[in-house]
Amino acid sequence: MSDFENEAAERVIRVLSQAGVGVSPGGIAANLAAVVDDPPSESAVCAALDELERRDLVRRLDGAYYLLTDHGRDYVEREFEEMGVGFIE
């Protein structure tokens, strides 16, 4: 069970973790649409990014791209290590 308020947040943080670079909300939504059966909308991705940013798990780059913070990378390693970073739920 996820400890995020927004149900898309776990998927969003996984995409950012796999990317390792700054990704736009549209890019995150497009990547999720390519790999999951019920992808979140771009607006749901934006809401998830807002939550992740408030929790200091991601930060904005140039206002349009998001990247994991050190705290976000630690979170991913701690929470997803046993499951792997992939999209299997």
Protein backbone atom coordinates (compact mmCIF):
# COMPACT_ATOMS: atom_id res chain seq x y z
CA MET A 1 0.00 0.00 0.00
CA SER A 2 1.28 3.43 -0.94
CA ASP A 3 1.82 6.12 1.66
CA PHE A 4 1.00 8.88 -0.84
CA GLU A 5 -2.26 10.85 -0.92
CA ASN A 6 -2.28 10.92 -4.73
CA GLU A 7 -2.58 7.44 -6.23
CA ALA A 8 -0.37 8.41 -9.19
CA ALA A 9 2.55 9.52 -6.99
CA GLU A 10 4.14 6.09 -6.67
CA ARG A 11 4.11 5.59 -10.42
CA VAL A 12 5.47 9.10 -10.99
CA ILE A 13 8.37 8.63 -8.58
CA ARG A 14 9.20 5.31 -10.25
CA VAL A 15 9.40 6.97 -13.69
CA LEU A 16 11.67 9.70 -12.32
CA SER A 17 13.83 7.10 -10.61
CA GLN A 18 14.24 5.11 -13.80
CA ALA A 19 14.87 8.19 -15.92
CA GLY A 20 17.62 9.63 -13.72
CA VAL A 21 17.15 12.97 -15.49
CA GLY A 22 14.61 15.78 -15.40
CA VAL A 23 11.30 14.84 -17.02
CA SER A 24 8.28 17.02 -17.79
CA PRO A 25 4.79 16.10 -16.54
CA GLY A 26 3.80 15.34 -20.14
CA GLY A 27 6.82 13.08 -20.53
CA ILE A 28 5.98 11.25 -17.33
CA ALA A 29 2.35 10.80 -18.45
CA ALA A 30 3.48 9.55 -21.88
CA ASN A 31 5.89 7.03 -20.37
CA LEU A 32 3.21 5.73 -18.02
CA ALA A 33 0.72 5.47 -20.90
CA ALA A 34 3.23 3.25 -22.71
CA VAL A 35 3.70 0.78 -19.86
CA VAL A 36 0.59 0.58 -17.66
CA ASP A 37 -2.98 -0.43 -18.44
CA ASP A 38 -4.66 2.42 -16.56
CA PRO A 39 -2.29 5.38 -16.78
CA PRO A 40 -2.94 8.59 -14.86
CA SER A 41 -3.85 11.72 -16.80
CA GLU A 42 -1.34 14.52 -17.14
CA SER A 43 -3.34 16.52 -14.57
CA ALA A 44 -3.09 13.59 -12.12
CA VAL A 45 0.67 13.49 -12.78
CA CYS A 46 0.89 17.22 -12.02
CA ALA A 47 -1.03 16.74 -8.76
CA ALA A 48 1.30 13.86 -7.85
CA LEU A 49 4.33 16.02 -8.59
CA ASP A 50 2.93 18.75 -6.33
CA GLU A 51 2.65 16.23 -3.49
CA LEU A 52 6.12 14.81 -4.14
CA GLU A 53 7.59 18.32 -4.23
CA ARG A 54 5.90 19.23 -0.91
CA ARG A 55 7.45 16.10 0.60
CA ASP A 56 10.91 17.06 -0.78
CA LEU A 57 11.08 13.94 -2.94
CA VAL A 58 11.32 15.84 -6.24
CA ARG A 59 12.43 19.30 -7.31
CA ARG A 60 11.73 21.43 -10.35
CA LEU A 61 14.33 22.23 -12.97
CA ASP A 62 13.69 25.33 -15.10
CA GLY A 63 10.04 25.28 -14.00
CA ALA A 64 9.08 22.58 -16.50
CA TYR A 65 11.01 19.44 -15.53
CA TYR A 66 11.17 17.38 -12.35
CA LEU A 67 14.04 15.43 -10.86
CA LEU A 68 14.38 13.29 -7.74
CA THR A 69 16.04 14.96 -4.78
CA ASP A 70 18.58 13.10 -2.64
CA HIS A 71 15.72 12.44 -0.22
CA GLY A 72 13.66 11.09 -3.14
CA ARG A 73 16.44 8.72 -4.20
CA ASP A 74 16.77 7.50 -0.61
CA TYR A 75 13.00 6.96 -0.49
CA VAL A 76 13.04 4.94 -3.72
CA GLU A 77 15.94 2.78 -2.54
CA ARG A 78 14.31 2.15 0.82
CA GLU A 79 10.70 1.61 -0.31
CA PHE A 80 11.05 -0.02 -3.72
CA GLU A 81 14.28 -1.98 -3.44
CA GLU A 82 12.58 -5.29 -2.59
CA MET A 83 9.92 -4.84 -5.29
CA GLY A 84 12.31 -3.52 -7.91
CA VAL A 85 11.83 -0.22 -9.67
CA GLY A 86 9.60 -1.61 -12.43
CA PHE A 87 5.89 -1.16 -12.73
CA ILE A 88 4.75 -4.52 -11.39
CA GLU A 89 2.30 -3.89 -8.59
